[in-house]
Protein backbone atom coordinates (compact mmCIF):
# COMPACT_ATOMS: atom_id res chain seq x y z
CA UNK A 1 11.87 -31.66 -71.25
CA UNK A 2 10.32 -28.46 -72.25
CA UNK A 3 7.25 -29.55 -70.71
CA UNK A 4 9.27 -30.02 -67.70
CA UNK A 5 10.88 -26.51 -67.97
CA UNK A 6 7.59 -24.44 -68.59
CA UNK A 7 6.01 -26.57 -65.78
CA UNK A 8 8.50 -25.78 -63.30
CA UNK A 9 8.61 -21.85 -64.55
CA UNK A 10 4.79 -21.87 -64.18
CA UNK A 11 5.09 -23.22 -60.94
CA UNK A 12 7.57 -20.87 -59.89
CA UNK A 13 5.38 -18.12 -61.34
CA UNK A 14 2.35 -19.11 -59.69
CA UNK A 15 4.50 -19.25 -56.31
CA UNK A 16 5.97 -15.67 -57.04
CA UNK A 17 2.06 -14.24 -57.41
CA UNK A 18 1.24 -16.64 -54.07
CA UNK A 19 3.91 -15.04 -52.44
CA UNK A 20 3.41 -11.39 -53.17
CA UNK A 21 -0.23 -11.68 -52.34
CA UNK A 22 0.84 -13.33 -48.89
CA UNK A 23 3.13 -10.38 -48.57
CA UNK A 24 0.16 -7.79 -49.38
CA UNK A 25 -1.60 -10.05 -46.41
CA UNK A 26 0.89 -9.32 -44.00
CA UNK A 27 1.05 -6.25 -44.53
CA UNK A 28 -2.56 -5.20 -44.34
CA UNK A 29 -2.58 -7.67 -41.27
CA UNK A 30 0.32 -5.18 -39.51
CA UNK A 31 -1.67 -2.23 -40.38
CA UNK A 32 -4.96 -3.43 -38.70
CA UNK A 33 -2.68 -4.85 -35.61
CA UNK A 34 -1.37 -1.00 -35.46
CA UNK A 35 -4.68 0.22 -35.75
CA UNK A 36 -5.62 -1.92 -33.19
CA UNK A 37 -2.95 -0.69 -31.20
CA UNK A 38 -4.47 2.72 -31.26
CA UNK A 39 -7.98 1.92 -30.69
CA UNK A 40 -6.35 -0.03 -27.45
CA UNK A 41 -4.49 2.88 -26.47
CA UNK A 42 -7.49 5.21 -26.71
CA UNK A 43 -9.27 2.79 -24.97
CA UNK A 44 -7.11 3.08 -21.98
CA UNK A 45 -7.43 7.04 -21.89
CA UNK A 46 -11.31 7.01 -22.05
CA UNK A 47 -10.98 4.46 -19.04
CA UNK A 48 -8.47 7.00 -17.04
CA UNK A 49 -10.89 9.97 -17.43
CA UNK A 50 -13.61 7.92 -16.51
CA UNK A 51 -11.72 6.92 -13.28
CA UNK A 52 -11.24 10.92 -12.56
CA UNK A 53 -14.85 11.59 -13.19
CA UNK A 54 -15.74 8.79 -11.10
CA UNK A 55 -13.35 10.14 -8.25
CA UNK A 56 -14.66 13.97 -8.92
CA UNK A 57 -18.57 12.09 -8.37
CA UNK A 58 -16.96 10.54 -4.89
CA UNK A 59 -15.93 14.20 -3.94
CA UNK A 60 -19.34 15.63 -4.81
CA UNK A 61 -21.20 13.02 -3.09
CA UNK A 62 -19.32 13.80 0.18
CA UNK A 63 -19.46 17.21 -0.26
CA UNK A 64 -23.29 17.32 -0.65
CA UNK A 65 -23.25 14.71 2.53
CA UNK A 66 -21.40 17.46 4.45
CA UNK A 67 -23.73 20.31 3.18
CA UNK A 68 -26.63 18.25 4.42
CA UNK A 69 -25.36 17.81 7.75
CA UNK A 70 -24.84 21.41 8.05
CA UNK A 71 -28.14 21.82 6.64
CA UNK A 72 -29.58 19.69 9.47
CA UNK A 73 -27.47 21.37 12.48
CA UNK A 74 -28.93 25.14 10.87
CA UNK A 75 -32.40 23.71 11.17
CA UNK A 76 -31.41 23.05 14.44
CA UNK A 77 -30.41 26.11 15.45
CA UNK A 78 -33.64 27.79 13.46
CA UNK A 79 -35.57 25.76 15.82
CA UNK A 80 -33.77 27.37 18.84
CA UNK A 81 -34.30 31.05 17.51
CA UNK A 82 -37.97 30.12 17.03
CA UNK A 83 -37.92 28.87 20.52
CA UNK A 84 -36.48 31.93 21.43
CA UNK A 85 -38.89 33.95 19.14
CA UNK A 86 -41.67 32.54 20.95
CA UNK A 87 -40.27 33.57 24.29
CA UNK A 88 -39.89 37.15 23.36
CA UNK A 89 -43.35 36.99 21.98
CA UNK A 90 -44.66 35.72 25.33
CA UNK A 91 -42.86 38.50 27.22
CA UNK A 92 -44.09 41.27 24.86
CA UNK A 93 -47.28 40.19 25.85
CA UNK A 94 -46.56 40.77 29.44
CA UNK A 95 -45.20 44.08 28.78
CA UNK A 96 -48.23 46.45 29.37
CA UNK A 97 -48.51 49.38 27.15
CA UNK A 98 -49.27 52.10 29.63
CA UNK A 99 -46.10 51.34 31.95
CA UNK A 100 -47.07 53.13 34.81
CA UNK A 101 -49.39 49.80 35.85
CA UNK A 102 -46.97 47.37 36.01
CA UNK A 103 -43.80 49.12 36.04
CA UNK A 104 -41.37 46.06 37.70
CA UNK A 105 -43.16 43.45 35.60
CA UNK A 106 -42.51 45.59 32.29
CA UNK A 107 -38.94 46.40 33.60
CA UNK A 108 -38.29 42.85 34.09
CA UNK A 109 -39.96 41.65 30.72
CA UNK A 110 -38.07 43.87 28.57
CA UNK A 111 -34.76 42.99 30.63
CA UNK A 112 -35.25 39.20 29.65
CA UNK A 113 -36.43 40.25 25.90
CA UNK A 114 -33.08 42.29 25.80
CA UNK A 115 -31.04 39.61 27.10
CA UNK A 116 -32.50 37.44 24.00
CA UNK A 117 -31.14 39.76 21.68
CA UNK A 118 -27.62 39.00 21.23
CA UNK A 119 -28.18 35.30 21.18
CA UNK A 120 -30.68 35.61 18.34
CA UNK A 121 -28.26 38.58 16.60
CA UNK A 122 -25.33 36.21 16.86
CA UNK A 123 -27.01 33.56 15.05
CA UNK A 124 -28.82 35.47 12.30
CA UNK A 125 -24.90 36.77 11.93
CA UNK A 126 -23.84 33.16 11.40
CA UNK A 127 -26.33 32.46 8.76
CA UNK A 128 -25.45 35.74 6.41
C-alpha cells in the first residue's frame, strides 16, 4: 500500500507541476494576446492617418488641376495681350516722326494706341 500511496503522491505532485506550468503558459498567452490587441489598435491608427494623408493628397491634386486651368486662362490672356502689343507696334510704325508730314494719320494711330492701353493695363494688373 505504501507503494500505491507513494505512486499516488508522485502522480499528484507531477500533476501539480503540470498545472503550474499550464497556468504559466496561460498567463503568457494572455500577455501575448494583450500585446496583439495593442498592435492591432496601433495599426488602426496608422490606417486612419493614411486615409487622412490620402484625402489631403486628393485635395492637393484638385488644387493643382485648378491651378493648371488658371494657367491656361492666363496663357490665353497673354496671347491676347501679345496680339494687342503687335497691333500697337504696327500702329507705332504708322506714326511718323515728323507730325507735320501726316498729322491726321498720326492722330488716328495715336488714338488707337491710347484706346488699347486700358485693356493692356487691366490685364497686367490682374497678373499682379
